[in-house]
Amino acid sequence: MSEESASAKSRVRCREIMTSKVSTANGEMTLRAVAQMLKDGDIGALPVVEKDTNKLVGIVTDRDIVVRAVAEGKNAETTVGEVMTTTLYTAKPDDFAFEVIRTMGERQVRRVPIVNEAGVLQGIVSMADVALEMEDEREIAETLEEISSGTAFWKKN
């Protein structure tokens, strides 16, 4: 990659690579309904928002359903609010994309919700969005491996 190309990539903003049309859940939905949405969309996670404001309050993953519901003996009518992840790592639309990639690596997350100043969901950056931003197949593989393993070059020793 040329120095000019690398410099341009470092200036990419989240709004440029995020997926803006994001399916969402709310805390009152049942796990059955959310599991169906995950299946139908062939996705592994849904941001959880307040019904009226679209403010981000959590994220529910297929893993949350397995570990926090099924493994604990909860049923399909359990609400999302009972099992969703509430520790969130977010970014703003104008944040640099490399900061989101750094967050993914440091926090071992595969998705970073993008919110505005009021916490309203604007989109999401996933590992797939990062991969689409990369030009070189080797670069993609290395970046995704770094995110998944937490051994990214920006991680402090």
N, C-alpha and C. Protein backbone atom coordinates (compact mmCIF):
# COMPACT_ATOMS: atom_id res chain seq x y z
N MET A 1 0.85 -1.17 0.00
CA MET A 1 0.00 0.00 0.00
C MET A 1 0.90 1.23 0.00
N SER A 2 0.59 2.19 -0.86
CA SER A 2 1.39 3.40 -0.92
C SER A 2 1.15 4.25 0.32
N GLU A 3 2.09 5.16 0.57
CA GLU A 3 1.97 6.04 1.73
C GLU A 3 0.73 6.92 1.59
N GLU A 4 0.45 7.37 0.37
CA GLU A 4 -0.72 8.21 0.12
C GLU A 4 -2.01 7.46 0.40
N SER A 5 -2.06 6.20 -0.04
CA SER A 5 -3.24 5.36 0.19
C SER A 5 -3.42 5.09 1.68
N ALA A 6 -2.35 4.83 2.38
CA ALA A 6 -2.42 4.59 3.82
C ALA A 6 -2.90 5.83 4.55
N SER A 7 -2.42 6.99 4.12
CA SER A 7 -2.83 8.24 4.73
C SER A 7 -4.33 8.48 4.53
N ALA A 8 -4.81 8.19 3.33
CA ALA A 8 -6.24 8.36 3.04
C ALA A 8 -7.08 7.43 3.90
N LYS A 9 -6.64 6.19 4.09
CA LYS A 9 -7.37 5.24 4.91
C LYS A 9 -7.44 5.70 6.36
N SER A 10 -6.41 6.36 6.84
CA SER A 10 -6.40 6.80 8.23
C SER A 10 -7.39 7.93 8.47
N ARG A 11 -7.88 8.56 7.40
CA ARG A 11 -8.84 9.66 7.54
C ARG A 11 -10.29 9.23 7.31
N VAL A 12 -10.52 7.97 7.04
CA VAL A 12 -11.87 7.47 6.81
C VAL A 12 -12.68 7.63 8.09
N ARG A 13 -13.89 8.13 7.96
CA ARG A 13 -14.78 8.35 9.10
C ARG A 13 -15.77 7.19 9.21
N CYS A 14 -16.26 6.99 10.41
CA CYS A 14 -17.21 5.89 10.65
C CYS A 14 -18.42 5.97 9.73
N ARG A 15 -18.94 7.19 9.52
CA ARG A 15 -20.13 7.33 8.68
C ARG A 15 -19.90 6.82 7.26
N GLU A 16 -18.63 6.75 6.84
CA GLU A 16 -18.31 6.31 5.49
C GLU A 16 -18.32 4.79 5.34
N ILE A 17 -18.13 4.07 6.43
CA ILE A 17 -18.07 2.60 6.32
C ILE A 17 -19.17 1.90 7.10
N MET A 18 -19.91 2.63 7.95
CA MET A 18 -20.93 1.99 8.78
C MET A 18 -22.11 1.51 7.94
N THR A 19 -22.78 0.50 8.47
CA THR A 19 -24.05 0.08 7.92
C THR A 19 -25.09 0.95 8.59
N SER A 20 -25.84 1.72 7.81
CA SER A 20 -26.78 2.65 8.41
C SER A 20 -28.19 2.10 8.53
N LYS A 21 -28.53 1.13 7.71
CA LYS A 21 -29.86 0.51 7.82
C LYS A 21 -29.71 -0.73 8.69
N VAL A 22 -29.97 -0.54 9.98
CA VAL A 22 -29.72 -1.58 10.97
C VAL A 22 -31.05 -2.03 11.58
N SER A 23 -31.28 -3.33 11.58
CA SER A 23 -32.43 -3.87 12.30
C SER A 23 -32.14 -3.72 13.79
N THR A 24 -33.17 -3.46 14.57
CA THR A 24 -33.00 -3.29 16.00
C THR A 24 -34.04 -4.08 16.77
N ALA A 25 -33.76 -4.25 18.05
CA ALA A 25 -34.70 -4.86 18.98
C ALA A 25 -34.98 -3.84 20.07
N ASN A 26 -35.99 -4.13 20.89
CA ASN A 26 -36.18 -3.32 22.10
C ASN A 26 -36.24 -4.27 23.27
N GLY A 27 -36.04 -3.75 24.45
CA GLY A 27 -35.93 -4.57 25.65
C GLY A 27 -37.14 -5.38 26.01
N GLU A 28 -38.29 -5.03 25.46
CA GLU A 28 -39.53 -5.74 25.78
C GLU A 28 -39.78 -6.94 24.86
N MET A 29 -39.02 -7.05 23.80
CA MET A 29 -39.21 -8.15 22.86
C MET A 29 -38.80 -9.47 23.51
N THR A 30 -39.40 -10.55 23.05
CA THR A 30 -39.04 -11.86 23.57
C THR A 30 -37.81 -12.40 22.84
N LEU A 31 -37.14 -13.32 23.50
CA LEU A 31 -35.99 -13.96 22.88
C LEU A 31 -36.41 -14.72 21.62
N ARG A 32 -37.60 -15.28 21.64
CA ARG A 32 -38.10 -15.99 20.45
C ARG A 32 -38.16 -15.03 19.26
N ALA A 33 -38.72 -13.85 19.46
CA ALA A 33 -38.84 -12.87 18.38
C ALA A 33 -37.47 -12.42 17.88
N VAL A 34 -36.56 -12.17 18.81
CA VAL A 34 -35.22 -11.73 18.44
C VAL A 34 -34.46 -12.85 17.74
N ALA A 35 -34.57 -14.07 18.24
CA ALA A 35 -33.90 -15.20 17.60
C ALA A 35 -34.40 -15.36 16.16
N GLN A 36 -35.67 -15.14 15.94
CA GLN A 36 -36.22 -15.22 14.58
C GLN A 36 -35.64 -14.12 13.70
N MET A 37 -35.50 -12.91 14.25
CA MET A 37 -34.91 -11.81 13.49
C MET A 37 -33.45 -12.11 13.14
N LEU A 38 -32.72 -12.68 14.09
CA LEU A 38 -31.33 -13.05 13.83
C LEU A 38 -31.26 -14.09 12.71
N LYS A 39 -32.14 -15.08 12.79
CA LYS A 39 -32.16 -16.14 11.77
C LYS A 39 -32.54 -15.57 10.41
N ASP A 40 -33.63 -14.79 10.37
CA ASP A 40 -34.11 -14.24 9.10
C ASP A 40 -33.08 -13.31 8.45
N GLY A 41 -32.37 -12.56 9.27
CA GLY A 41 -31.38 -11.62 8.74
C GLY A 41 -30.00 -12.21 8.57
N ASP A 42 -29.85 -13.47 9.00
CA ASP A 42 -28.54 -14.14 8.95
C ASP A 42 -27.47 -13.27 9.61
N ILE A 43 -27.82 -12.81 10.83
CA ILE A 43 -26.92 -11.94 11.59
C ILE A 43 -26.73 -12.50 12.99
N GLY A 44 -25.73 -12.01 13.68
CA GLY A 44 -25.41 -12.53 15.01
C GLY A 44 -25.71 -11.59 16.14
N ALA A 45 -26.17 -10.36 15.82
CA ALA A 45 -26.42 -9.39 16.88
C ALA A 45 -27.41 -8.33 16.42
N LEU A 46 -28.11 -7.78 17.40
CA LEU A 46 -29.02 -6.66 17.14
C LEU A 46 -28.81 -5.59 18.21
N PRO A 47 -28.66 -4.34 17.80
CA PRO A 47 -28.66 -3.28 18.79
C PRO A 47 -30.03 -3.23 19.46
N VAL A 48 -30.06 -2.91 20.74
CA VAL A 48 -31.31 -2.78 21.48
C VAL A 48 -31.51 -1.30 21.76
N VAL A 49 -32.65 -0.77 21.33
CA VAL A 49 -32.95 0.65 21.47
C VAL A 49 -34.25 0.87 22.22
N GLU A 50 -34.38 2.08 22.78
CA GLU A 50 -35.65 2.47 23.38
C GLU A 50 -36.67 2.62 22.26
N LYS A 51 -37.89 2.16 22.50
CA LYS A 51 -38.92 2.17 21.46
C LYS A 51 -39.16 3.55 20.87
N ASP A 52 -39.34 4.54 21.70
CA ASP A 52 -39.76 5.86 21.23
C ASP A 52 -38.62 6.75 20.74
N THR A 53 -37.44 6.56 21.28
CA THR A 53 -36.35 7.49 20.99
C THR A 53 -35.25 6.94 20.09
N ASN A 54 -35.21 5.63 19.94
CA ASN A 54 -34.15 4.94 19.19
C ASN A 54 -32.79 5.10 19.87
N LYS A 55 -32.81 5.47 21.16
CA LYS A 55 -31.57 5.60 21.92
C LYS A 55 -31.04 4.20 22.22
N LEU A 56 -29.76 4.01 22.00
CA LEU A 56 -29.12 2.71 22.22
C LEU A 56 -29.04 2.41 23.71
N VAL A 57 -29.52 1.22 24.10
CA VAL A 57 -29.46 0.81 25.51
C VAL A 57 -28.72 -0.51 25.72
N GLY A 58 -28.44 -1.21 24.63
CA GLY A 58 -27.76 -2.50 24.74
C GLY A 58 -27.56 -3.12 23.38
N ILE A 59 -27.07 -4.34 23.42
CA ILE A 59 -26.93 -5.14 22.21
C ILE A 59 -27.22 -6.58 22.62
N VAL A 60 -27.92 -7.30 21.78
CA VAL A 60 -28.20 -8.71 22.08
C VAL A 60 -27.58 -9.54 20.96
N THR A 61 -26.82 -10.53 21.37
CA THR A 61 -26.14 -11.40 20.42
C THR A 61 -26.68 -12.82 20.54
N ASP A 62 -26.38 -13.62 19.54
CA ASP A 62 -26.77 -15.02 19.61
C ASP A 62 -26.10 -15.67 20.83
N ARG A 63 -24.90 -15.22 21.14
CA ARG A 63 -24.20 -15.75 22.32
C ARG A 63 -24.92 -15.37 23.62
N ASP A 64 -25.43 -14.15 23.71
CA ASP A 64 -26.20 -13.74 24.89
C ASP A 64 -27.38 -14.69 25.10
N ILE A 65 -28.05 -15.02 24.00
CA ILE A 65 -29.22 -15.90 24.10
C ILE A 65 -28.81 -17.27 24.62
N VAL A 66 -27.71 -17.78 24.11
CA VAL A 66 -27.24 -19.11 24.54
C VAL A 66 -26.74 -19.09 25.99
N VAL A 67 -25.84 -18.17 26.30
CA VAL A 67 -25.16 -18.16 27.59
C VAL A 67 -26.04 -17.61 28.72
N ARG A 68 -26.75 -16.52 28.45
CA ARG A 68 -27.51 -15.87 29.52
C ARG A 68 -28.96 -16.32 29.60
N ALA A 69 -29.42 -17.05 28.61
CA ALA A 69 -30.81 -17.50 28.65
C ALA A 69 -30.90 -19.02 28.65
N VAL A 70 -30.54 -19.65 27.55
CA VAL A 70 -30.68 -21.10 27.43
C VAL A 70 -29.90 -21.83 28.52
N ALA A 71 -28.64 -21.47 28.70
CA ALA A 71 -27.79 -22.14 29.69
C ALA A 71 -28.28 -21.90 31.12
N GLU A 72 -29.02 -20.84 31.33
CA GLU A 72 -29.55 -20.51 32.66
C GLU A 72 -30.98 -21.02 32.85
N GLY A 73 -31.51 -21.74 31.86
CA GLY A 73 -32.84 -22.32 31.98
C GLY A 73 -33.99 -21.36 31.72
N LYS A 74 -33.70 -20.23 31.11
CA LYS A 74 -34.78 -19.29 30.78
C LYS A 74 -35.49 -19.75 29.52
N ASN A 75 -36.72 -19.30 29.35
CA ASN A 75 -37.49 -19.76 28.19
C ASN A 75 -37.52 -18.71 27.08
N ALA A 76 -38.13 -19.07 25.99
CA ALA A 76 -38.17 -18.23 24.80
C ALA A 76 -38.98 -16.96 24.99
N GLU A 77 -39.78 -16.91 26.04
CA GLU A 77 -40.59 -15.72 26.31
C GLU A 77 -39.87 -14.72 27.21
N THR A 78 -38.65 -15.04 27.61
CA THR A 78 -37.82 -14.11 28.39
C THR A 78 -37.60 -12.86 27.54
N THR A 79 -37.57 -11.70 28.18
CA THR A 79 -37.38 -10.47 27.42
C THR A 79 -35.90 -10.22 27.13
N VAL A 80 -35.67 -9.52 26.05
CA VAL A 80 -34.32 -9.15 25.65
C VAL A 80 -33.64 -8.35 26.75
N GLY A 81 -34.41 -7.49 27.41
CA GLY A 81 -33.84 -6.66 28.47
C GLY A 81 -33.20 -7.45 29.59
N GLU A 82 -33.61 -8.69 29.76
CA GLU A 82 -33.06 -9.54 30.82
C GLU A 82 -31.71 -10.15 30.46
N VAL A 83 -31.39 -10.25 29.19
CA VAL A 83 -30.16 -10.95 28.79
C VAL A 83 -29.21 -10.13 27.92
N MET A 84 -29.63 -8.95 27.49
CA MET A 84 -28.79 -8.17 26.59
C MET A 84 -27.50 -7.70 27.27
N THR A 85 -26.52 -7.41 26.47
CA THR A 85 -25.26 -6.84 26.95
C THR A 85 -25.46 -5.34 27.07
N THR A 86 -25.14 -4.80 28.24
CA THR A 86 -25.32 -3.36 28.45
C THR A 86 -24.00 -2.59 28.51
N THR A 87 -22.89 -3.31 28.55
CA THR A 87 -21.59 -2.65 28.46
C THR A 87 -21.33 -2.44 26.98
N LEU A 88 -21.38 -1.19 26.57
CA LEU A 88 -21.30 -0.87 25.15
C LEU A 88 -20.05 -0.05 24.83
N TYR A 89 -19.46 -0.34 23.70
CA TYR A 89 -18.35 0.43 23.17
C TYR A 89 -18.87 1.05 21.89
N THR A 90 -19.06 2.35 21.89
CA THR A 90 -19.68 3.04 20.78
C THR A 90 -18.71 4.06 20.17
N ALA A 91 -19.12 4.59 19.04
CA ALA A 91 -18.38 5.67 18.39
C ALA A 91 -19.40 6.63 17.79
N LYS A 92 -18.92 7.77 17.38
CA LYS A 92 -19.75 8.79 16.73
C LYS A 92 -19.51 8.71 15.22
N PRO A 93 -20.47 9.19 14.43
CA PRO A 93 -20.33 9.12 12.97
C PRO A 93 -19.06 9.80 12.44
N ASP A 94 -18.61 10.88 13.08
CA ASP A 94 -17.43 11.59 12.59
C ASP A 94 -16.12 11.08 13.18
N ASP A 95 -16.18 10.06 14.05
CA ASP A 95 -14.95 9.47 14.57
C ASP A 95 -14.22 8.77 13.43
N PHE A 96 -12.90 8.69 13.56
CA PHE A 96 -12.11 7.98 12.55
C PHE A 96 -12.36 6.47 12.66
N ALA A 97 -12.45 5.82 11.50
CA ALA A 97 -12.70 4.38 11.47
C ALA A 97 -11.58 3.61 12.16
N PHE A 98 -10.34 4.10 12.08
CA PHE A 98 -9.25 3.37 12.73
C PHE A 98 -9.46 3.30 14.24
N GLU A 99 -10.16 4.29 14.81
CA GLU A 99 -10.44 4.25 16.25
C GLU A 99 -11.41 3.11 16.58
N VAL A 100 -12.37 2.87 15.68
CA VAL A 100 -13.30 1.76 15.87
C VAL A 100 -12.57 0.44 15.76
N ILE A 101 -11.65 0.34 14.80
CA ILE A 101 -10.87 -0.89 14.65
C ILE A 101 -10.04 -1.12 15.90
N ARG A 102 -9.49 -0.06 16.44
CA ARG A 102 -8.71 -0.17 17.69
C ARG A 102 -9.62 -0.67 18.82
N THR A 103 -10.81 -0.11 18.92
CA THR A 103 -11.76 -0.54 19.95
C THR A 103 -12.09 -2.02 19.80
N MET A 104 -12.33 -2.46 18.57
CA MET A 104 -12.63 -3.87 18.33
C MET A 104 -11.50 -4.76 18.85
N GLY A 105 -10.28 -4.38 18.55
CA GLY A 105 -9.14 -5.17 18.98
C GLY A 105 -8.95 -5.15 20.48
N GLU A 106 -9.01 -3.98 21.07
CA GLU A 106 -8.77 -3.85 22.52
C GLU A 106 -9.89 -4.46 23.35
N ARG A 107 -11.12 -4.32 22.90
CA ARG A 107 -12.28 -4.78 23.68
C ARG A 107 -12.80 -6.14 23.24
N GLN A 108 -12.19 -6.69 22.19
CA GLN A 108 -12.60 -8.00 21.66
C GLN A 108 -14.08 -8.03 21.29
N VAL A 109 -14.52 -7.02 20.56
CA VAL A 109 -15.89 -6.96 20.06
C VAL A 109 -15.85 -6.96 18.54
N ARG A 110 -16.88 -7.50 17.95
CA ARG A 110 -16.93 -7.61 16.50
C ARG A 110 -17.81 -6.55 15.86
N ARG A 111 -18.50 -5.78 16.70
CA ARG A 111 -19.39 -4.73 16.20
C ARG A 111 -19.31 -3.53 17.13
N VAL A 112 -19.34 -2.35 16.55
CA VAL A 112 -19.35 -1.12 17.34
C VAL A 112 -20.52 -0.26 16.85
N PRO A 113 -21.53 -0.07 17.71
CA PRO A 113 -22.64 0.81 17.33
C PRO A 113 -22.17 2.25 17.19
N ILE A 114 -22.74 2.94 16.22
CA ILE A 114 -22.43 4.34 15.98
C ILE A 114 -23.64 5.15 16.44
N VAL A 115 -23.40 6.08 17.37
CA VAL A 115 -24.48 6.87 17.95
C VAL A 115 -24.17 8.36 17.81
N ASN A 116 -25.24 9.17 17.85
CA ASN A 116 -25.01 10.62 17.82
C ASN A 116 -24.78 11.12 19.25
N GLU A 117 -24.70 12.43 19.41
CA GLU A 117 -24.41 13.01 20.73
C GLU A 117 -25.47 12.65 21.78
N ALA A 118 -26.69 12.40 21.35
CA ALA A 118 -27.79 12.06 22.28
C ALA A 118 -27.87 10.56 22.54
N GLY A 119 -26.96 9.77 21.94
CA GLY A 119 -26.98 8.33 22.14
C GLY A 119 -27.95 7.60 21.23
N VAL A 120 -28.46 8.29 20.21
CA VAL A 120 -29.40 7.69 19.27
C VAL A 120 -28.61 6.92 18.21
N LEU A 121 -29.02 5.69 17.97
CA LEU A 121 -28.35 4.82 17.02
C LEU A 121 -28.37 5.40 15.61
N GLN A 122 -27.20 5.47 15.00
CA GLN A 122 -27.06 5.96 13.63
C GLN A 122 -26.67 4.86 12.67
N GLY A 123 -26.01 3.82 13.20
CA GLY A 123 -25.54 2.73 12.36
C GLY A 123 -24.66 1.81 13.18
N ILE A 124 -23.94 0.93 12.50
CA ILE A 124 -23.06 0.01 13.19
C ILE A 124 -21.88 -0.30 12.27
N VAL A 125 -20.71 -0.44 12.86
CA VAL A 125 -19.53 -0.87 12.11
C VAL A 125 -19.21 -2.28 12.58
N SER A 126 -19.19 -3.20 11.64
CA SER A 126 -18.89 -4.60 11.95
C SER A 126 -17.55 -4.97 11.34
N MET A 127 -17.08 -6.14 11.68
CA MET A 127 -15.84 -6.62 11.08
C MET A 127 -15.99 -6.70 9.56
N ALA A 128 -17.18 -7.03 9.08
CA ALA A 128 -17.41 -7.09 7.63
C ALA A 128 -17.25 -5.72 6.99
N ASP A 129 -17.72 -4.67 7.68
CA ASP A 129 -17.55 -3.31 7.15
C ASP A 129 -16.07 -2.94 7.07
N VAL A 130 -15.32 -3.36 8.07
CA VAL A 130 -13.87 -3.12 8.07
C VAL A 130 -13.24 -3.85 6.90
N ALA A 131 -13.63 -5.09 6.69
CA ALA A 131 -13.07 -5.89 5.60
C ALA A 131 -13.37 -5.26 4.24
N LEU A 132 -14.56 -4.71 4.08
CA LEU A 132 -14.92 -4.08 2.81
C LEU A 132 -14.09 -2.83 2.55
N GLU A 133 -13.61 -2.19 3.60
CA GLU A 133 -12.80 -0.99 3.47
C GLU A 133 -11.38 -1.30 3.02
N MET A 134 -10.92 -2.50 3.30
CA MET A 134 -9.56 -2.89 2.96
C MET A 134 -9.50 -3.32 1.49
N GLU A 135 -8.37 -3.06 0.82
CA GLU A 135 -8.23 -3.40 -0.58
C GLU A 135 -7.55 -4.74 -0.79
N ASP A 136 -6.60 -5.05 0.02
CA ASP A 136 -5.74 -6.20 -0.16
C ASP A 136 -6.24 -7.38 0.67
N GLU A 137 -6.36 -8.55 0.07
CA GLU A 137 -6.86 -9.72 0.79
C GLU A 137 -5.99 -10.07 2.00
N ARG A 138 -4.68 -9.92 1.87
CA ARG A 138 -3.78 -10.21 2.99
C ARG A 138 -4.01 -9.21 4.12
N GLU A 139 -4.20 -7.95 3.75
CA GLU A 139 -4.47 -6.89 4.73
C GLU A 139 -5.78 -7.19 5.48
N ILE A 140 -6.79 -7.63 4.75
CA ILE A 140 -8.07 -7.98 5.36
C ILE A 140 -7.87 -9.11 6.36
N ALA A 141 -7.23 -10.17 5.92
CA ALA A 141 -7.04 -11.34 6.79
C ALA A 141 -6.26 -10.96 8.04
N GLU A 142 -5.20 -10.18 7.88
CA GLU A 142 -4.40 -9.80 9.04
C GLU A 142 -5.18 -8.92 10.00
N THR A 143 -5.92 -7.96 9.48
CA THR A 143 -6.71 -7.07 10.33
C THR A 143 -7.77 -7.84 11.10
N LEU A 144 -8.50 -8.70 10.41
CA LEU A 144 -9.55 -9.47 11.08
C LEU A 144 -8.97 -10.42 12.13
N GLU A 145 -7.82 -11.01 11.83
CA GLU A 145 -7.17 -11.88 12.80
C GLU A 145 -6.74 -11.08 14.03
N GLU A 146 -6.23 -9.88 13.81
CA GLU A 146 -5.81 -9.03 14.92
C GLU A 146 -7.00 -8.65 15.79
N ILE A 147 -8.11 -8.30 15.16
CA ILE A 147 -9.31 -7.95 15.92
C ILE A 147 -9.78 -9.13 16.74
N SER A 148 -9.83 -10.29 16.12
CA SER A 148 -10.32 -11.49 16.80
C SER A 148 -9.41 -11.96 17.92
N SER A 149 -8.11 -11.80 17.74
CA SER A 149 -7.18 -12.34 18.73
C SER A 149 -6.75 -11.31 19.77
N GLY A 150 -6.98 -10.04 19.49
CA GLY A 150 -6.55 -9.01 20.42
C GLY A 150 -5.07 -8.70 20.34
N THR A 151 -4.39 -9.16 19.28
CA THR A 151 -2.95 -8.93 19.16
C THR A 151 -2.65 -7.79 18.20
N ALA A 152 -3.61 -6.91 18.03
CA ALA A 152 -3.44 -5.82 17.09
C ALA A 152 -2.23 -4.96 17.43
N PHE A 153 -1.67 -4.34 16.39
CA PHE A 153 -0.44 -3.57 16.57
C PHE A 153 -0.61 -2.40 17.53
N TRP A 154 -1.82 -1.92 17.72
CA TRP A 154 -2.03 -0.76 18.58
C TRP A 154 -2.18 -1.14 20.04
N LYS A 155 -2.27 -2.42 20.32
CA LYS A 155 -2.45 -2.85 21.69
C LYS A 155 -1.14 -2.66 22.46
N LYS A 156 -1.24 -2.03 23.60
CA LYS A 156 -0.06 -1.78 24.42
C LYS A 156 0.39 -3.06 25.10
N ASN A 157 1.70 -3.24 25.22
CA ASN A 157 2.26 -4.42 25.90
C ASN A 157 2.36 -4.18 27.39
